[in-house]
N, C-alpha and C. Protein backbone atom coordinates (compact mmCIF):
# COMPACT_ATOMS: atom_id res chain seq x y z
N UNK A 1 21.78 24.56 -60.34
CA UNK A 1 21.96 23.71 -59.19
C UNK A 1 21.57 24.51 -57.95
N UNK A 2 20.99 23.79 -56.98
CA UNK A 2 20.51 24.53 -55.80
C UNK A 2 21.65 24.96 -54.93
N UNK A 3 21.45 26.19 -54.36
CA UNK A 3 22.40 26.77 -53.52
C UNK A 3 22.81 25.97 -52.27
N UNK A 4 21.91 25.24 -51.83
CA UNK A 4 22.27 24.40 -50.60
C UNK A 4 23.42 23.49 -50.90
N UNK A 5 23.46 23.00 -52.13
CA UNK A 5 24.56 22.05 -52.53
C UNK A 5 25.89 22.87 -52.54
N UNK A 6 25.88 24.06 -53.05
CA UNK A 6 27.09 24.93 -53.01
C UNK A 6 27.50 25.21 -51.60
N UNK A 7 26.57 25.64 -50.79
CA UNK A 7 26.95 26.03 -49.41
C UNK A 7 27.45 24.80 -48.67
N UNK A 8 26.85 23.64 -48.81
CA UNK A 8 27.30 22.41 -48.10
C UNK A 8 28.70 22.02 -48.64
N UNK A 9 28.88 22.21 -49.96
CA UNK A 9 30.22 21.85 -50.54
C UNK A 9 31.29 22.76 -49.93
N UNK A 10 31.01 24.03 -49.91
CA UNK A 10 32.02 25.00 -49.37
C UNK A 10 32.26 24.78 -47.83
N UNK A 11 31.18 24.35 -47.05
CA UNK A 11 31.32 23.97 -45.69
C UNK A 11 32.23 22.81 -45.56
N UNK A 12 32.08 21.77 -46.45
CA UNK A 12 32.89 20.60 -46.33
C UNK A 12 34.33 20.95 -46.63
N UNK A 13 34.52 21.80 -47.64
CA UNK A 13 35.91 22.25 -47.95
C UNK A 13 36.52 22.92 -46.75
N UNK A 14 35.80 23.83 -46.19
CA UNK A 14 36.34 24.61 -45.03
C UNK A 14 36.67 23.66 -43.87
N UNK A 15 35.69 22.78 -43.55
CA UNK A 15 35.97 21.82 -42.39
C UNK A 15 37.08 20.84 -42.66
N UNK A 16 37.29 20.47 -43.93
CA UNK A 16 38.31 19.42 -44.25
C UNK A 16 39.62 20.07 -44.54
N UNK A 17 39.65 21.10 -45.31
CA UNK A 17 40.87 21.75 -45.78
C UNK A 17 41.22 23.12 -45.32
N UNK A 18 40.22 23.74 -44.67
CA UNK A 18 40.48 25.05 -44.12
C UNK A 18 39.90 26.24 -44.95
N UNK A 19 39.77 27.40 -44.31
CA UNK A 19 39.16 28.54 -45.02
C UNK A 19 40.08 29.11 -46.08
N UNK A 20 41.40 28.95 -45.98
CA UNK A 20 42.31 29.33 -46.94
C UNK A 20 42.09 28.65 -48.25
N UNK A 21 41.82 27.34 -48.29
CA UNK A 21 41.58 26.52 -49.43
C UNK A 21 40.26 27.00 -50.07
N UNK A 22 39.20 27.28 -49.20
CA UNK A 22 38.00 27.85 -49.80
C UNK A 22 38.26 29.17 -50.54
N UNK A 23 38.96 30.01 -50.00
CA UNK A 23 39.26 31.27 -50.56
C UNK A 23 40.02 31.09 -51.84
N UNK A 24 41.02 30.20 -51.86
CA UNK A 24 41.83 29.91 -53.02
C UNK A 24 41.03 29.33 -54.19
N UNK A 25 40.18 28.34 -53.85
CA UNK A 25 39.42 27.74 -55.02
C UNK A 25 38.37 28.70 -55.64
N UNK A 26 37.80 29.51 -54.73
CA UNK A 26 36.86 30.54 -55.18
C UNK A 26 37.61 31.53 -56.06
N UNK A 27 38.69 32.01 -55.61
CA UNK A 27 39.49 33.01 -56.37
C UNK A 27 39.93 32.50 -57.72
N UNK A 28 40.45 31.23 -57.74
CA UNK A 28 40.97 30.60 -58.97
C UNK A 28 39.95 30.13 -59.88
N UNK A 29 38.74 30.03 -59.48
CA UNK A 29 37.58 29.57 -60.32
C UNK A 29 36.99 30.64 -61.23
N UNK A 30 37.30 31.94 -60.99
CA UNK A 30 36.70 33.02 -61.79
C UNK A 30 35.19 32.93 -61.94
N UNK A 31 34.51 32.79 -60.85
CA UNK A 31 33.03 32.49 -60.82
C UNK A 31 32.26 33.82 -61.04
N UNK A 32 31.14 33.76 -61.95
CA UNK A 32 30.33 34.92 -62.14
C UNK A 32 29.72 35.38 -60.77
N UNK A 33 29.45 34.50 -59.82
CA UNK A 33 28.90 34.87 -58.59
C UNK A 33 29.95 35.31 -57.56
N UNK A 34 31.23 35.14 -57.89
CA UNK A 34 32.31 35.39 -56.99
C UNK A 34 32.18 34.50 -55.78
N UNK A 35 31.51 33.43 -55.87
CA UNK A 35 31.37 32.48 -54.75
C UNK A 35 30.46 32.86 -53.66
N UNK A 36 29.61 33.85 -53.98
CA UNK A 36 28.60 34.32 -52.98
C UNK A 36 27.29 33.49 -53.18
N UNK A 37 27.08 32.50 -52.35
CA UNK A 37 25.94 31.56 -52.51
C UNK A 37 25.03 31.70 -51.35
N UNK A 38 23.71 31.54 -51.54
CA UNK A 38 22.76 31.32 -50.49
C UNK A 38 22.15 29.97 -50.64
N UNK A 39 21.69 29.40 -49.56
CA UNK A 39 21.12 28.05 -49.60
C UNK A 39 19.87 28.00 -50.44
N UNK A 40 19.19 29.05 -50.59
CA UNK A 40 17.92 29.07 -51.33
C UNK A 40 18.02 29.52 -52.77
N UNK A 41 19.22 29.95 -53.17
CA UNK A 41 19.42 30.42 -54.51
C UNK A 41 19.65 29.22 -55.52
N UNK A 42 19.72 29.58 -56.84
CA UNK A 42 19.95 28.58 -57.88
C UNK A 42 21.11 29.18 -58.63
N UNK A 43 22.10 28.24 -58.94
CA UNK A 43 23.38 28.67 -59.61
C UNK A 43 23.74 27.71 -60.68
N UNK A 44 24.50 28.19 -61.60
CA UNK A 44 24.95 27.50 -62.70
C UNK A 44 25.85 26.24 -62.31
N UNK A 45 25.51 25.16 -62.78
CA UNK A 45 26.27 23.85 -62.54
C UNK A 45 27.68 23.99 -62.86
N UNK A 46 28.04 24.80 -63.86
CA UNK A 46 29.47 24.98 -64.24
C UNK A 46 30.29 25.60 -63.12
N UNK A 47 29.58 26.40 -62.23
CA UNK A 47 30.37 26.93 -61.12
C UNK A 47 30.77 25.78 -60.19
N UNK A 48 29.96 24.81 -59.95
CA UNK A 48 30.33 23.68 -59.11
C UNK A 48 31.45 22.88 -59.76
N UNK A 49 31.40 22.68 -61.08
CA UNK A 49 32.45 22.06 -61.78
C UNK A 49 33.79 22.82 -61.61
N UNK A 50 33.75 24.13 -61.71
CA UNK A 50 34.91 24.98 -61.54
C UNK A 50 35.53 24.82 -60.17
N UNK A 51 34.61 24.90 -59.13
CA UNK A 51 35.07 24.75 -57.74
C UNK A 51 35.70 23.44 -57.49
N UNK A 52 35.03 22.42 -57.98
CA UNK A 52 35.54 21.07 -57.81
C UNK A 52 36.87 20.82 -58.46
N UNK A 53 36.97 21.29 -59.72
CA UNK A 53 38.25 21.25 -60.39
C UNK A 53 39.39 21.95 -59.69
N UNK A 54 39.13 23.10 -59.26
CA UNK A 54 40.10 23.89 -58.49
C UNK A 54 40.49 23.16 -57.20
N UNK A 55 39.46 22.65 -56.50
CA UNK A 55 39.80 21.85 -55.25
C UNK A 55 40.64 20.66 -55.54
N UNK A 56 40.38 19.95 -56.61
CA UNK A 56 41.21 18.84 -57.05
C UNK A 56 42.69 19.25 -57.30
N UNK A 57 42.84 20.40 -58.03
CA UNK A 57 44.16 20.85 -58.29
C UNK A 57 44.92 21.27 -56.97
N UNK A 58 44.21 21.96 -56.13
CA UNK A 58 44.73 22.44 -54.87
C UNK A 58 45.14 21.31 -53.92
N UNK A 59 44.31 20.27 -53.90
CA UNK A 59 44.60 19.18 -52.90
C UNK A 59 45.24 18.01 -53.54
N UNK A 60 45.28 17.94 -54.87
CA UNK A 60 45.83 16.78 -55.55
C UNK A 60 45.05 15.45 -55.31
N UNK A 61 43.75 15.69 -55.05
CA UNK A 61 42.78 14.57 -54.86
C UNK A 61 41.89 14.51 -56.07
N UNK A 62 41.74 13.33 -56.69
CA UNK A 62 40.88 13.14 -57.82
C UNK A 62 39.43 13.64 -57.58
N UNK A 63 38.89 14.25 -58.55
CA UNK A 63 37.54 14.85 -58.44
C UNK A 63 36.47 13.74 -57.98
N UNK A 64 36.50 12.55 -58.47
CA UNK A 64 35.56 11.54 -58.05
C UNK A 64 35.77 11.25 -56.57
N UNK A 65 37.02 11.24 -56.06
CA UNK A 65 37.26 11.03 -54.62
C UNK A 65 36.62 12.12 -53.79
N UNK A 66 36.76 13.34 -54.31
CA UNK A 66 36.18 14.52 -53.59
C UNK A 66 34.65 14.50 -53.65
N UNK A 67 34.13 14.06 -54.76
CA UNK A 67 32.67 13.93 -54.84
C UNK A 67 32.15 12.78 -53.90
N UNK A 68 32.80 11.76 -53.82
CA UNK A 68 32.43 10.67 -52.90
C UNK A 68 32.42 11.19 -51.43
N UNK A 69 33.49 11.93 -51.10
CA UNK A 69 33.54 12.43 -49.70
C UNK A 69 32.40 13.50 -49.55
N UNK A 70 32.14 14.21 -50.60
CA UNK A 70 31.07 15.20 -50.49
C UNK A 70 29.67 14.51 -50.25
N UNK A 71 29.53 13.34 -50.91
CA UNK A 71 28.30 12.54 -50.70
C UNK A 71 28.15 12.19 -49.19
N UNK A 72 29.18 11.77 -48.53
CA UNK A 72 29.14 11.45 -47.09
C UNK A 72 28.68 12.68 -46.34
N UNK A 73 29.45 13.78 -46.64
CA UNK A 73 29.17 15.03 -45.92
C UNK A 73 27.69 15.53 -46.14
N UNK A 74 27.29 15.45 -47.37
CA UNK A 74 25.89 15.93 -47.78
C UNK A 74 24.88 15.12 -47.08
N UNK A 75 25.06 13.82 -47.01
CA UNK A 75 24.04 12.99 -46.31
C UNK A 75 23.86 13.46 -44.87
N UNK A 76 24.95 13.65 -44.17
CA UNK A 76 24.91 14.14 -42.75
C UNK A 76 24.17 15.43 -42.66
N UNK A 77 24.44 16.40 -43.57
CA UNK A 77 23.69 17.66 -43.48
C UNK A 77 22.27 17.56 -43.74
N UNK A 78 21.90 16.69 -44.82
CA UNK A 78 20.55 16.49 -45.09
C UNK A 78 19.79 15.76 -43.99
N UNK A 79 20.43 14.80 -43.40
CA UNK A 79 19.75 14.07 -42.28
C UNK A 79 19.56 14.97 -41.08
N UNK A 80 20.54 15.89 -40.81
CA UNK A 80 20.37 16.83 -39.67
C UNK A 80 19.19 17.88 -40.01
N UNK A 81 19.14 18.30 -41.30
CA UNK A 81 18.16 19.28 -41.65
C UNK A 81 16.75 18.71 -41.76
N UNK A 82 16.66 17.41 -42.14
CA UNK A 82 15.34 16.76 -42.35
C UNK A 82 15.30 15.44 -41.59
N UNK A 83 15.45 15.41 -40.34
CA UNK A 83 15.54 14.12 -39.56
C UNK A 83 14.32 13.26 -39.74
N UNK A 84 13.17 13.92 -39.89
CA UNK A 84 11.97 13.19 -40.04
C UNK A 84 11.90 12.31 -41.28
N UNK A 85 12.54 12.71 -42.33
CA UNK A 85 12.62 11.94 -43.59
C UNK A 85 13.38 10.66 -43.34
N UNK A 86 14.58 10.74 -42.80
CA UNK A 86 15.43 9.57 -42.56
C UNK A 86 14.81 8.70 -41.53
N UNK A 87 14.23 9.31 -40.49
CA UNK A 87 13.59 8.48 -39.43
C UNK A 87 12.36 7.68 -39.83
N UNK A 88 11.85 8.06 -40.98
CA UNK A 88 10.63 7.32 -41.43
C UNK A 88 11.02 5.95 -42.06
N UNK A 89 12.33 5.64 -42.12
CA UNK A 89 12.77 4.39 -42.68
C UNK A 89 13.42 3.53 -41.61
N UNK A 90 13.18 2.29 -41.66
CA UNK A 90 13.84 1.33 -40.60
C UNK A 90 15.13 0.80 -41.15
N UNK A 91 15.44 0.79 -42.45
CA UNK A 91 16.57 0.11 -43.00
C UNK A 91 17.17 1.06 -44.13
N UNK A 92 18.46 0.99 -44.33
CA UNK A 92 19.03 1.76 -45.42
C UNK A 92 18.49 1.32 -46.77
N UNK A 93 18.23 0.00 -47.00
CA UNK A 93 17.71 -0.39 -48.21
C UNK A 93 16.31 0.13 -48.50
N UNK A 94 15.52 0.26 -47.43
CA UNK A 94 14.15 0.82 -47.55
C UNK A 94 14.26 2.26 -48.04
N UNK A 95 15.17 2.96 -47.43
CA UNK A 95 15.36 4.41 -47.72
C UNK A 95 15.79 4.55 -49.21
N UNK A 96 16.77 3.70 -49.55
CA UNK A 96 17.28 3.87 -51.03
C UNK A 96 16.20 3.50 -52.03
N UNK A 97 15.38 2.53 -51.69
CA UNK A 97 14.31 2.14 -52.56
C UNK A 97 13.26 3.19 -52.80
N UNK A 98 13.21 4.11 -51.85
CA UNK A 98 12.14 5.17 -51.89
C UNK A 98 12.68 6.54 -52.30
N UNK A 99 13.85 6.57 -52.91
CA UNK A 99 14.44 7.84 -53.38
C UNK A 99 13.46 8.55 -54.28
N UNK A 100 13.02 7.81 -55.35
CA UNK A 100 12.13 8.45 -56.38
C UNK A 100 10.78 8.77 -55.79
N UNK A 101 10.18 7.77 -55.07
CA UNK A 101 8.80 7.90 -54.69
C UNK A 101 8.57 8.75 -53.44
N UNK A 102 9.58 9.03 -52.65
CA UNK A 102 9.46 9.78 -51.44
C UNK A 102 10.46 10.92 -51.35
N UNK A 103 11.72 10.50 -51.25
CA UNK A 103 12.76 11.50 -51.00
C UNK A 103 12.80 12.61 -52.05
N UNK A 104 12.79 12.27 -53.34
CA UNK A 104 12.78 13.30 -54.34
C UNK A 104 11.53 14.06 -54.41
N UNK A 105 10.39 13.45 -54.04
CA UNK A 105 9.11 14.22 -53.98
C UNK A 105 9.25 15.26 -52.92
N UNK A 106 9.84 14.95 -51.80
CA UNK A 106 10.08 15.87 -50.62
C UNK A 106 11.03 16.93 -51.11
N UNK A 107 12.08 16.62 -51.80
CA UNK A 107 13.06 17.64 -52.31
C UNK A 107 12.36 18.58 -53.22
N UNK A 108 11.55 18.06 -54.15
CA UNK A 108 10.87 18.89 -55.11
C UNK A 108 9.90 19.89 -54.46
N UNK A 109 9.30 19.51 -53.31
CA UNK A 109 8.42 20.38 -52.60
C UNK A 109 9.27 21.56 -52.09
N UNK A 110 10.43 21.27 -51.62
CA UNK A 110 11.32 22.30 -51.04
C UNK A 110 12.00 23.17 -52.15
N UNK A 111 12.41 22.45 -53.21
CA UNK A 111 13.11 23.09 -54.35
C UNK A 111 12.49 22.70 -55.64
N UNK A 112 11.38 23.37 -56.05
CA UNK A 112 10.64 22.88 -57.23
C UNK A 112 11.40 22.88 -58.51
N UNK A 113 12.46 23.66 -58.65
CA UNK A 113 13.20 23.67 -59.91
C UNK A 113 14.48 22.84 -59.83
N UNK A 114 14.63 22.08 -58.77
CA UNK A 114 15.84 21.22 -58.66
C UNK A 114 15.94 20.15 -59.78
N UNK A 115 17.08 19.97 -60.37
CA UNK A 115 17.30 18.93 -61.35
C UNK A 115 18.01 17.73 -60.61
N UNK A 116 17.10 16.73 -60.40
CA UNK A 116 17.56 15.62 -59.55
C UNK A 116 17.93 14.43 -60.49
N UNK A 117 18.88 13.63 -59.97
CA UNK A 117 19.16 12.34 -60.71
C UNK A 117 17.97 11.39 -60.56
N UNK A 118 17.89 10.41 -61.41
CA UNK A 118 16.85 9.40 -61.38
C UNK A 118 17.48 8.14 -60.93
N UNK A 119 16.79 7.31 -60.11
CA UNK A 119 17.24 6.04 -59.67
C UNK A 119 16.16 4.99 -60.04
N UNK A 120 16.49 4.08 -60.93
CA UNK A 120 15.55 3.03 -61.30
C UNK A 120 15.93 1.73 -60.63
N UNK A 121 15.03 1.17 -59.88
CA UNK A 121 15.33 -0.10 -59.14
C UNK A 121 15.16 -1.21 -60.12
N UNK A 122 16.21 -2.05 -60.19
CA UNK A 122 16.17 -3.17 -61.10
C UNK A 122 15.78 -4.44 -60.33
N UNK A 123 16.34 -4.59 -59.11
CA UNK A 123 15.94 -5.76 -58.26
C UNK A 123 16.22 -5.35 -56.83
N UNK A 124 15.47 -6.10 -55.92
CA UNK A 124 15.67 -5.88 -54.48
C UNK A 124 15.36 -7.25 -53.80
N UNK A 125 16.18 -7.54 -52.81
CA UNK A 125 15.93 -8.64 -51.87
C UNK A 125 16.05 -7.93 -50.47
N UNK A 126 16.01 -8.85 -49.44
CA UNK A 126 16.13 -8.35 -48.04
C UNK A 126 17.44 -7.69 -47.82
N UNK A 127 18.54 -8.11 -48.57
CA UNK A 127 19.80 -7.53 -48.34
C UNK A 127 20.54 -7.12 -49.55
N UNK A 128 19.92 -7.03 -50.73
CA UNK A 128 20.56 -6.57 -51.93
C UNK A 128 19.66 -5.55 -52.67
N UNK A 129 20.35 -4.82 -53.46
CA UNK A 129 19.62 -3.83 -54.27
C UNK A 129 20.42 -3.53 -55.50
N UNK A 130 19.81 -3.57 -56.66
CA UNK A 130 20.41 -3.15 -57.87
C UNK A 130 19.59 -1.99 -58.45
N UNK A 131 20.29 -0.92 -58.88
CA UNK A 131 19.58 0.24 -59.39
C UNK A 131 20.49 0.95 -60.43
N UNK A 132 19.81 1.69 -61.28
CA UNK A 132 20.51 2.51 -62.25
C UNK A 132 20.40 3.94 -61.88
N UNK A 133 21.50 4.66 -61.79
CA UNK A 133 21.61 6.06 -61.55
C UNK A 133 21.64 6.70 -62.91
N UNK A 134 20.88 7.70 -63.09
CA UNK A 134 20.85 8.50 -64.33
C UNK A 134 20.81 10.02 -64.06
N UNK A 135 21.81 10.71 -64.64
CA UNK A 135 21.83 12.13 -64.49
C UNK A 135 22.71 12.74 -65.56
N UNK A 136 22.23 13.77 -66.10
CA UNK A 136 23.03 14.47 -67.13
C UNK A 136 24.37 15.03 -66.60
N UNK A 137 24.40 15.11 -65.26
CA UNK A 137 25.56 15.77 -64.60
C UNK A 137 26.67 14.72 -64.29
N UNK A 138 26.39 13.50 -64.34
CA UNK A 138 27.43 12.42 -64.14
C UNK A 138 28.01 12.50 -62.73
N UNK A 139 27.32 12.75 -61.71
CA UNK A 139 27.80 12.86 -60.35
C UNK A 139 27.62 11.53 -59.60
N UNK A 140 27.87 10.39 -60.29
CA UNK A 140 27.67 9.11 -59.67
C UNK A 140 28.58 8.89 -58.43
N UNK A 141 29.82 9.52 -58.39
CA UNK A 141 30.62 9.40 -57.22
C UNK A 141 29.87 10.04 -56.00
N UNK A 142 29.22 11.11 -56.22
CA UNK A 142 28.45 11.75 -55.16
C UNK A 142 27.41 10.80 -54.69
N UNK A 143 26.67 10.20 -55.61
CA UNK A 143 25.65 9.26 -55.25
C UNK A 143 26.19 8.08 -54.51
N UNK A 144 27.37 7.57 -54.88
CA UNK A 144 28.05 6.49 -54.25
C UNK A 144 28.32 6.85 -52.82
N UNK A 145 28.83 8.06 -52.53
CA UNK A 145 29.16 8.53 -51.23
C UNK A 145 27.85 8.57 -50.31
N UNK A 146 26.71 9.09 -50.94
CA UNK A 146 25.49 9.17 -50.24
C UNK A 146 25.01 7.74 -49.88
N UNK A 147 25.17 6.80 -50.83
CA UNK A 147 24.70 5.40 -50.57
C UNK A 147 25.45 4.82 -49.42
N UNK A 148 26.74 4.90 -49.40
CA UNK A 148 27.56 4.39 -48.30
C UNK A 148 27.29 5.04 -46.99
N UNK A 149 27.11 6.35 -47.03
CA UNK A 149 26.79 7.04 -45.74
C UNK A 149 25.43 6.60 -45.23
N UNK A 150 24.50 6.27 -46.09
CA UNK A 150 23.18 5.86 -45.69
C UNK A 150 23.35 4.61 -44.81
N UNK A 151 24.15 3.68 -45.26
CA UNK A 151 24.36 2.44 -44.48
C UNK A 151 25.06 2.76 -43.19
N UNK A 152 26.05 3.70 -43.21
CA UNK A 152 26.74 3.98 -41.99
C UNK A 152 25.77 4.65 -41.00
N UNK A 153 24.88 5.42 -41.49
CA UNK A 153 23.85 6.06 -40.62
C UNK A 153 22.96 5.02 -39.88
N UNK A 154 22.68 3.99 -40.63
CA UNK A 154 21.90 2.86 -40.02
C UNK A 154 22.78 1.82 -39.31
N UNK A 155 24.08 2.11 -39.23
CA UNK A 155 25.06 1.26 -38.55
C UNK A 155 25.05 -0.17 -39.14
N UNK A 156 25.01 -0.25 -40.49
CA UNK A 156 25.09 -1.45 -41.24
C UNK A 156 26.28 -1.41 -42.20
N UNK A 157 26.85 -2.67 -42.41
CA UNK A 157 27.96 -2.79 -43.29
C UNK A 157 27.38 -2.98 -44.71
N UNK A 158 28.14 -2.48 -45.72
CA UNK A 158 27.69 -2.55 -47.08
C UNK A 158 28.86 -2.73 -48.09
N UNK A 159 28.52 -3.44 -49.09
CA UNK A 159 29.51 -3.50 -50.25
C UNK A 159 28.81 -2.90 -51.50
N UNK A 160 29.33 -1.86 -52.05
CA UNK A 160 28.74 -1.20 -53.19
C UNK A 160 29.69 -1.33 -54.41
N UNK A 161 29.20 -1.97 -55.39
CA UNK A 161 29.94 -2.04 -56.67
C UNK A 161 29.17 -1.20 -57.67
N UNK A 162 29.88 -0.66 -58.61
CA UNK A 162 29.11 0.09 -59.66
C UNK A 162 29.85 -0.19 -61.01
N UNK A 163 29.09 0.00 -62.05
CA UNK A 163 29.56 -0.10 -63.39
C UNK A 163 29.03 1.06 -64.22
N UNK A 164 29.98 1.79 -64.81
CA UNK A 164 29.56 2.93 -65.72
C UNK A 164 28.90 2.27 -67.00
N UNK A 165 27.72 2.75 -67.28
CA UNK A 165 27.09 2.22 -68.52
C UNK A 165 27.43 3.08 -69.78
N UNK A 166 28.03 4.24 -69.52
CA UNK A 166 28.61 5.00 -70.55
C UNK A 166 29.83 5.78 -70.04
N UNK A 167 30.70 6.23 -70.91
CA UNK A 167 32.03 6.73 -70.40
C UNK A 167 31.94 8.06 -69.64
N UNK A 168 30.86 8.82 -69.75
CA UNK A 168 30.81 10.05 -69.06
C UNK A 168 30.05 9.88 -67.68
N UNK A 169 29.67 8.76 -67.33
CA UNK A 169 29.07 8.45 -65.97
C UNK A 169 27.70 8.98 -65.81
N UNK A 170 26.98 9.22 -66.88
CA UNK A 170 25.61 9.76 -66.72
C UNK A 170 24.63 8.60 -66.48
N UNK A 171 25.07 7.40 -66.71
CA UNK A 171 24.24 6.17 -66.38
C UNK A 171 25.19 5.20 -65.74
N UNK A 172 24.80 4.85 -64.50
CA UNK A 172 25.66 3.90 -63.72
C UNK A 172 24.81 2.86 -63.06
N UNK A 173 25.21 1.66 -63.10
CA UNK A 173 24.51 0.59 -62.42
C UNK A 173 25.17 0.33 -61.06
N UNK A 174 24.43 0.47 -59.96
CA UNK A 174 24.94 0.16 -58.63
C UNK A 174 24.50 -1.19 -58.23
N UNK A 175 25.33 -2.01 -57.66
CA UNK A 175 24.98 -3.26 -57.02
C UNK A 175 25.37 -3.16 -55.58
N UNK A 176 24.31 -3.21 -54.71
CA UNK A 176 24.49 -2.93 -53.26
C UNK A 176 24.16 -4.21 -52.44
N UNK A 177 25.14 -4.66 -51.60
CA UNK A 177 24.82 -5.83 -50.73
C UNK A 177 25.07 -5.41 -49.35
N UNK A 178 24.03 -5.53 -48.52
CA UNK A 178 24.18 -5.20 -47.07
C UNK A 178 24.74 -6.47 -46.39
N UNK A 179 25.76 -6.20 -45.56
CA UNK A 179 26.38 -7.29 -44.85
C UNK A 179 26.09 -7.11 -43.29
N UNK A 180 25.19 -7.99 -42.77
CA UNK A 180 24.94 -7.89 -41.32
C UNK A 180 23.89 -6.85 -40.99
């Protein structure tokens, strides 16, 4: 997993819960890296799982709720780091429809070894979108947070429903309806 995800995650934890919580979750996770991440490095996904698990224990917040919040936080960081990418879209649905064909291509240029989820568009209208999220990591709650924050960025209201297509969340169907 790319280091930028780790550094953004720990920044979110610090800004939301404080530096003491960051120190506590790193200490309790027994990480091979000892929590020393750089944004350009690549790290074992299991370290993220350990950090997330410890954060959930420390805060008593379910992991999927934390991942959803991280999706919000991550969108903001990515939009600030790459404003030209987001600015090239006029609507949130247009941006979401181009994840595979533009956004992920851009990410692969920056991080060639990144393991990205796949989004398959099932249907699209002017105000709806159905797509399948697929990832061996099952971080659909993170994707959900990114989707909702995309609409907030464009100052649009949205209703997002999802259905797990398997119990581990590696395939999830999202039904997105833009309101207004």
